[in-house]
Amino acid sequence: MKNITLIFAFTLFVTGCGSMSSQDTVKDFIPGTYVRSFNESIYENTSVGGEDTLRIKKQTESGSETFQIDRSTRIARIKEGQKQPDKYETETWTGSYRESDKTLFITKNGGTIAFDVKTIF
């Protein structure tokens, strides 16, 4: 009886370790909020700055390959020394995770989002 219990426990341990090593660290890393700030001079007397924010979440929790991406942008312009009213834009995209190159493919515009998890871990 002890041998059967030990064999069963060992089998569960080996199975658990195998499933941990097959996890996709990039896919698990994707959900979150990403912010990029920008500030550029576009003409001699005009500059533009702001933030571009992506909020990415799985559409369903268990084993989903599809993600919802909410993009919001705030654009602030200064033209000839005068601050212009801020401009806000929002969009919602759907992205499919491609395991082959570990990227999100944006269905609406055909774009791709890549993740560099090496610098994080």
N, C-alpha and C. Protein backbone atom coordinates (compact mmCIF):
# COMPACT_ATOMS: atom_id res chain seq x y z
N MET A 1 0.82 -1.20 0.00
CA MET A 1 0.00 0.00 0.00
C MET A 1 0.87 1.26 0.00
N LYS A 2 1.97 1.24 0.80
CA LYS A 2 2.87 2.39 0.83
C LYS A 2 3.50 2.61 -0.54
N ASN A 3 3.85 1.53 -1.24
CA ASN A 3 4.47 1.66 -2.56
C ASN A 3 3.52 2.33 -3.54
N ILE A 4 2.25 1.97 -3.50
CA ILE A 4 1.26 2.57 -4.41
C ILE A 4 1.11 4.05 -4.09
N THR A 5 1.08 4.41 -2.81
CA THR A 5 0.97 5.82 -2.41
C THR A 5 2.20 6.60 -2.86
N LEU A 6 3.39 6.04 -2.69
CA LEU A 6 4.62 6.71 -3.12
C LEU A 6 4.65 6.88 -4.63
N ILE A 7 4.27 5.85 -5.37
CA ILE A 7 4.25 5.94 -6.83
C ILE A 7 3.25 7.00 -7.28
N PHE A 8 2.08 7.04 -6.64
CA PHE A 8 1.06 8.04 -6.98
C PHE A 8 1.58 9.45 -6.70
N ALA A 9 2.20 9.66 -5.52
CA ALA A 9 2.73 10.98 -5.17
C ALA A 9 3.84 11.40 -6.14
N PHE A 10 4.73 10.48 -6.48
CA PHE A 10 5.81 10.77 -7.42
C PHE A 10 5.25 11.14 -8.79
N THR A 11 4.22 10.40 -9.24
CA THR A 11 3.59 10.68 -10.54
C THR A 11 2.98 12.08 -10.55
N LEU A 12 2.28 12.46 -9.47
CA LEU A 12 1.71 13.81 -9.38
C LEU A 12 2.81 14.87 -9.41
N PHE A 13 3.90 14.63 -8.71
CA PHE A 13 5.01 15.58 -8.67
C PHE A 13 5.61 15.78 -10.06
N VAL A 14 5.88 14.67 -10.76
CA VAL A 14 6.47 14.75 -12.10
C VAL A 14 5.51 15.44 -13.07
N THR A 15 4.23 15.12 -12.98
CA THR A 15 3.23 15.75 -13.86
C THR A 15 3.16 17.25 -13.58
N GLY A 16 3.18 17.62 -12.32
CA GLY A 16 3.13 19.04 -11.96
C GLY A 16 4.35 19.80 -12.45
N CYS A 17 5.52 19.21 -12.33
CA CYS A 17 6.75 19.86 -12.81
C CYS A 17 6.72 20.00 -14.32
N GLY A 18 6.19 19.03 -15.00
CA GLY A 18 6.10 19.09 -16.47
C GLY A 18 5.19 20.19 -16.93
N SER A 19 4.07 20.39 -16.25
CA SER A 19 3.15 21.45 -16.66
C SER A 19 3.72 22.82 -16.35
N MET A 20 4.54 22.94 -15.29
CA MET A 20 5.16 24.23 -14.98
C MET A 20 6.17 24.62 -16.05
N SER A 21 6.92 23.67 -16.56
CA SER A 21 7.94 24.01 -17.54
C SER A 21 7.34 24.32 -18.91
N SER A 22 6.11 23.88 -19.15
CA SER A 22 5.50 24.13 -20.45
C SER A 22 4.71 25.44 -20.47
N GLN A 23 4.70 26.19 -19.35
CA GLN A 23 4.00 27.46 -19.33
C GLN A 23 4.70 28.44 -20.26
N ASP A 24 3.91 29.28 -20.88
CA ASP A 24 4.44 30.29 -21.79
C ASP A 24 4.62 31.59 -20.99
N THR A 25 5.86 31.93 -20.65
CA THR A 25 6.11 33.11 -19.81
C THR A 25 5.68 34.40 -20.50
N VAL A 26 5.78 34.47 -21.82
CA VAL A 26 5.36 35.68 -22.54
C VAL A 26 3.85 35.84 -22.44
N LYS A 27 3.12 34.79 -22.69
CA LYS A 27 1.65 34.84 -22.64
C LYS A 27 1.18 35.22 -21.23
N ASP A 28 1.84 34.69 -20.21
CA ASP A 28 1.46 35.02 -18.83
C ASP A 28 1.84 36.46 -18.48
N PHE A 29 2.85 37.01 -19.14
CA PHE A 29 3.33 38.36 -18.86
C PHE A 29 2.44 39.44 -19.48
N ILE A 30 1.76 39.13 -20.56
CA ILE A 30 1.05 40.13 -21.37
C ILE A 30 0.03 40.98 -20.62
N PRO A 31 -0.91 40.42 -19.85
CA PRO A 31 -1.91 41.29 -19.22
C PRO A 31 -1.27 42.35 -18.35
N GLY A 32 -1.73 43.60 -18.50
CA GLY A 32 -1.18 44.69 -17.71
C GLY A 32 -1.40 46.03 -18.39
N THR A 33 -0.79 47.06 -17.84
CA THR A 33 -0.89 48.42 -18.36
C THR A 33 0.49 48.88 -18.79
N TYR A 34 0.56 49.42 -20.00
CA TYR A 34 1.82 49.88 -20.58
C TYR A 34 1.65 51.35 -20.97
N VAL A 35 2.59 52.21 -20.54
CA VAL A 35 2.49 53.65 -20.79
C VAL A 35 3.75 54.12 -21.49
N ARG A 36 3.57 54.92 -22.54
CA ARG A 36 4.68 55.54 -23.25
C ARG A 36 4.44 57.04 -23.28
N SER A 37 5.39 57.81 -22.78
CA SER A 37 5.31 59.28 -22.85
C SER A 37 6.11 59.75 -24.06
N PHE A 38 5.64 60.83 -24.65
CA PHE A 38 6.37 61.38 -25.79
C PHE A 38 6.34 62.89 -25.74
N ASN A 39 7.37 63.50 -26.32
CA ASN A 39 7.48 64.95 -26.41
C ASN A 39 8.37 65.24 -27.61
N GLU A 40 7.79 65.86 -28.62
CA GLU A 40 8.52 66.10 -29.87
C GLU A 40 8.24 67.49 -30.42
N SER A 41 9.21 68.05 -31.07
CA SER A 41 9.01 69.29 -31.83
C SER A 41 8.69 68.88 -33.26
N ILE A 42 7.51 69.28 -33.73
CA ILE A 42 7.13 68.86 -35.08
C ILE A 42 7.34 69.97 -36.11
N TYR A 43 7.30 71.21 -35.66
CA TYR A 43 7.64 72.35 -36.52
C TYR A 43 8.47 73.30 -35.68
N GLU A 44 8.94 74.36 -36.29
CA GLU A 44 9.80 75.31 -35.57
C GLU A 44 9.11 75.88 -34.34
N ASN A 45 7.83 76.23 -34.44
CA ASN A 45 7.12 76.86 -33.33
C ASN A 45 6.06 75.96 -32.70
N THR A 46 6.09 74.66 -32.98
CA THR A 46 5.06 73.76 -32.48
C THR A 46 5.69 72.52 -31.88
N SER A 47 5.25 72.17 -30.69
CA SER A 47 5.69 70.91 -30.07
C SER A 47 4.46 70.15 -29.61
N VAL A 48 4.61 68.86 -29.53
CA VAL A 48 3.51 67.99 -29.12
C VAL A 48 4.05 66.99 -28.10
N GLY A 49 3.25 66.70 -27.11
CA GLY A 49 3.62 65.72 -26.09
C GLY A 49 2.38 65.03 -25.58
N GLY A 50 2.58 64.03 -24.75
CA GLY A 50 1.44 63.33 -24.18
C GLY A 50 1.80 61.93 -23.75
N GLU A 51 0.76 61.13 -23.54
CA GLU A 51 0.93 59.74 -23.13
C GLU A 51 0.08 58.84 -24.01
N ASP A 52 0.63 57.68 -24.27
CA ASP A 52 -0.06 56.63 -25.01
C ASP A 52 -0.13 55.44 -24.05
N THR A 53 -1.33 54.97 -23.73
CA THR A 53 -1.51 53.91 -22.73
C THR A 53 -2.24 52.72 -23.35
N LEU A 54 -1.69 51.52 -23.12
CA LEU A 54 -2.35 50.28 -23.52
C LEU A 54 -2.71 49.51 -22.26
N ARG A 55 -3.98 49.12 -22.16
CA ARG A 55 -4.43 48.24 -21.07
C ARG A 55 -4.84 46.93 -21.72
N ILE A 56 -4.10 45.88 -21.39
CA ILE A 56 -4.31 44.58 -22.05
C ILE A 56 -4.81 43.58 -21.02
N LYS A 57 -5.90 42.87 -21.38
CA LYS A 57 -6.42 41.82 -20.50
C LYS A 57 -6.93 40.66 -21.35
N LYS A 58 -6.92 39.48 -20.74
CA LYS A 58 -7.45 38.30 -21.42
C LYS A 58 -8.96 38.46 -21.55
N GLN A 59 -9.52 38.01 -22.68
CA GLN A 59 -10.96 38.11 -22.82
C GLN A 59 -11.68 37.06 -21.98
N THR A 60 -11.09 35.88 -21.84
CA THR A 60 -11.60 34.88 -20.90
C THR A 60 -10.41 34.41 -20.09
N GLU A 61 -10.63 34.04 -18.86
CA GLU A 61 -9.51 33.75 -17.96
C GLU A 61 -8.77 32.46 -18.24
N SER A 62 -9.45 31.38 -18.58
CA SER A 62 -8.76 30.09 -18.64
C SER A 62 -8.29 29.76 -20.05
N GLY A 63 -6.98 29.76 -20.26
CA GLY A 63 -6.39 29.32 -21.51
C GLY A 63 -6.71 30.17 -22.73
N SER A 64 -7.01 31.42 -22.54
CA SER A 64 -7.42 32.27 -23.67
C SER A 64 -6.23 32.63 -24.55
N GLU A 65 -6.47 32.65 -25.83
CA GLU A 65 -5.49 33.12 -26.81
C GLU A 65 -5.88 34.51 -27.33
N THR A 66 -7.01 35.05 -26.83
CA THR A 66 -7.53 36.32 -27.30
C THR A 66 -7.48 37.35 -26.18
N PHE A 67 -7.01 38.55 -26.52
CA PHE A 67 -6.84 39.62 -25.55
C PHE A 67 -7.61 40.85 -26.01
N GLN A 68 -8.10 41.63 -25.04
CA GLN A 68 -8.71 42.93 -25.32
C GLN A 68 -7.67 43.99 -25.01
N ILE A 69 -7.48 44.90 -25.96
CA ILE A 69 -6.49 45.97 -25.80
C ILE A 69 -7.23 47.30 -25.86
N ASP A 70 -7.20 48.04 -24.76
CA ASP A 70 -7.80 49.37 -24.72
C ASP A 70 -6.67 50.38 -24.82
N ARG A 71 -6.72 51.18 -25.86
CA ARG A 71 -5.68 52.19 -26.08
C ARG A 71 -6.27 53.57 -25.81
N SER A 72 -5.59 54.35 -25.00
CA SER A 72 -6.00 55.74 -24.77
C SER A 72 -4.78 56.64 -24.96
N THR A 73 -5.03 57.77 -25.59
CA THR A 73 -3.95 58.70 -25.90
C THR A 73 -4.36 60.11 -25.48
N ARG A 74 -3.43 60.81 -24.84
CA ARG A 74 -3.61 62.23 -24.53
C ARG A 74 -2.54 62.99 -25.29
N ILE A 75 -2.97 63.96 -26.08
CA ILE A 75 -2.04 64.75 -26.88
C ILE A 75 -2.15 66.20 -26.46
N ALA A 76 -1.01 66.80 -26.10
CA ALA A 76 -0.95 68.21 -25.71
C ALA A 76 -0.06 68.93 -26.70
N ARG A 77 -0.57 70.02 -27.27
CA ARG A 77 0.20 70.80 -28.25
C ARG A 77 0.49 72.19 -27.71
N ILE A 78 1.67 72.66 -28.07
CA ILE A 78 2.03 74.05 -27.81
C ILE A 78 2.38 74.65 -29.16
N LYS A 79 1.59 75.63 -29.57
CA LYS A 79 1.78 76.26 -30.88
C LYS A 79 2.08 77.74 -30.66
N GLU A 80 3.26 78.15 -31.13
CA GLU A 80 3.73 79.54 -31.01
C GLU A 80 3.63 80.02 -29.57
N GLY A 81 4.04 79.17 -28.63
CA GLY A 81 4.07 79.53 -27.22
C GLY A 81 2.73 79.42 -26.50
N GLN A 82 1.67 79.11 -27.20
CA GLN A 82 0.33 79.01 -26.60
C GLN A 82 -0.08 77.55 -26.47
N LYS A 83 -0.44 77.15 -25.25
CA LYS A 83 -0.90 75.78 -25.04
C LYS A 83 -2.29 75.61 -25.64
N GLN A 84 -2.43 74.60 -26.46
CA GLN A 84 -3.71 74.27 -27.08
C GLN A 84 -4.47 73.29 -26.17
N PRO A 85 -5.79 73.19 -26.35
CA PRO A 85 -6.55 72.22 -25.54
C PRO A 85 -6.06 70.79 -25.79
N ASP A 86 -6.00 70.01 -24.72
CA ASP A 86 -5.59 68.61 -24.85
C ASP A 86 -6.59 67.85 -25.70
N LYS A 87 -6.08 66.89 -26.44
CA LYS A 87 -6.92 66.05 -27.29
C LYS A 87 -6.83 64.62 -26.75
N TYR A 88 -7.98 63.96 -26.63
CA TYR A 88 -8.04 62.59 -26.11
C TYR A 88 -8.60 61.66 -27.16
N GLU A 89 -8.00 60.49 -27.27
CA GLU A 89 -8.48 59.47 -28.20
C GLU A 89 -8.52 58.14 -27.46
N THR A 90 -9.53 57.33 -27.74
CA THR A 90 -9.60 55.98 -27.18
C THR A 90 -10.02 55.01 -28.27
N GLU A 91 -9.49 53.81 -28.19
CA GLU A 91 -9.82 52.74 -29.12
C GLU A 91 -9.80 51.42 -28.36
N THR A 92 -10.57 50.46 -28.85
CA THR A 92 -10.51 49.11 -28.32
C THR A 92 -10.19 48.16 -29.45
N TRP A 93 -9.19 47.33 -29.25
CA TRP A 93 -8.77 46.35 -30.25
C TRP A 93 -8.91 44.95 -29.69
N THR A 94 -8.90 43.99 -30.57
CA THR A 94 -8.83 42.59 -30.19
C THR A 94 -7.51 42.05 -30.74
N GLY A 95 -6.79 41.32 -29.90
CA GLY A 95 -5.51 40.76 -30.31
C GLY A 95 -5.49 39.26 -30.09
N SER A 96 -4.90 38.56 -31.03
CA SER A 96 -4.74 37.11 -30.92
C SER A 96 -3.28 36.79 -30.65
N TYR A 97 -3.05 35.96 -29.65
CA TYR A 97 -1.68 35.58 -29.31
C TYR A 97 -1.17 34.55 -30.30
N ARG A 98 -0.01 34.85 -30.89
CA ARG A 98 0.61 33.90 -31.83
C ARG A 98 1.80 33.26 -31.11
N GLU A 99 1.63 32.00 -30.80
CA GLU A 99 2.67 31.29 -30.06
C GLU A 99 3.95 31.13 -30.87
N SER A 100 3.83 31.09 -32.20
CA SER A 100 5.01 30.88 -33.05
C SER A 100 6.06 31.97 -32.87
N ASP A 101 5.63 33.24 -32.80
CA ASP A 101 6.60 34.32 -32.60
C ASP A 101 6.34 35.10 -31.30
N LYS A 102 5.43 34.59 -30.46
CA LYS A 102 5.13 35.15 -29.14
C LYS A 102 4.77 36.62 -29.21
N THR A 103 3.84 36.96 -30.11
CA THR A 103 3.37 38.33 -30.27
C THR A 103 1.85 38.36 -30.24
N LEU A 104 1.30 39.58 -30.09
CA LEU A 104 -0.14 39.78 -30.23
C LEU A 104 -0.40 40.37 -31.61
N PHE A 105 -1.28 39.73 -32.37
CA PHE A 105 -1.66 40.21 -33.68
C PHE A 105 -2.96 40.99 -33.53
N ILE A 106 -2.95 42.27 -33.91
CA ILE A 106 -4.12 43.13 -33.77
C ILE A 106 -5.01 42.93 -35.00
N THR A 107 -6.22 42.46 -34.76
CA THR A 107 -7.13 42.12 -35.85
C THR A 107 -7.55 43.35 -36.65
N LYS A 108 -7.83 44.47 -35.99
CA LYS A 108 -8.38 45.66 -36.64
C LYS A 108 -7.44 46.29 -37.67
N ASN A 109 -6.16 46.40 -37.30
CA ASN A 109 -5.25 47.13 -38.18
C ASN A 109 -4.08 46.29 -38.69
N GLY A 110 -4.02 45.01 -38.30
CA GLY A 110 -2.95 44.14 -38.77
C GLY A 110 -1.62 44.38 -38.09
N GLY A 111 -1.61 45.19 -37.04
CA GLY A 111 -0.37 45.47 -36.32
C GLY A 111 0.03 44.32 -35.41
N THR A 112 1.22 44.42 -34.88
CA THR A 112 1.76 43.41 -34.00
C THR A 112 2.36 44.08 -32.77
N ILE A 113 2.14 43.48 -31.60
CA ILE A 113 2.77 43.96 -30.37
C ILE A 113 3.69 42.84 -29.88
N ALA A 114 4.97 43.18 -29.68
CA ALA A 114 5.95 42.22 -29.19
C ALA A 114 6.32 42.57 -27.75
N PHE A 115 6.74 41.58 -26.98
CA PHE A 115 7.08 41.75 -25.58
C PHE A 115 8.48 41.23 -25.33
N ASP A 116 9.30 42.03 -24.65
CA ASP A 116 10.66 41.64 -24.33
C ASP A 116 10.71 41.30 -22.84
N VAL A 117 10.41 40.04 -22.51
CA VAL A 117 10.36 39.63 -21.10
C VAL A 117 11.76 39.34 -20.56
N LYS A 118 12.77 39.24 -21.40
CA LYS A 118 14.14 38.98 -20.92
C LYS A 118 14.62 40.07 -20.00
N THR A 119 14.26 41.31 -20.27
CA THR A 119 14.71 42.42 -19.45
C THR A 119 13.95 42.49 -18.13
N ILE A 120 12.81 41.84 -18.03
CA ILE A 120 12.00 41.89 -16.82
C ILE A 120 12.43 40.78 -15.86
N PHE A 121 12.65 39.58 -16.37
CA PHE A 121 12.92 38.43 -15.49
C PHE A 121 14.38 38.22 -15.28
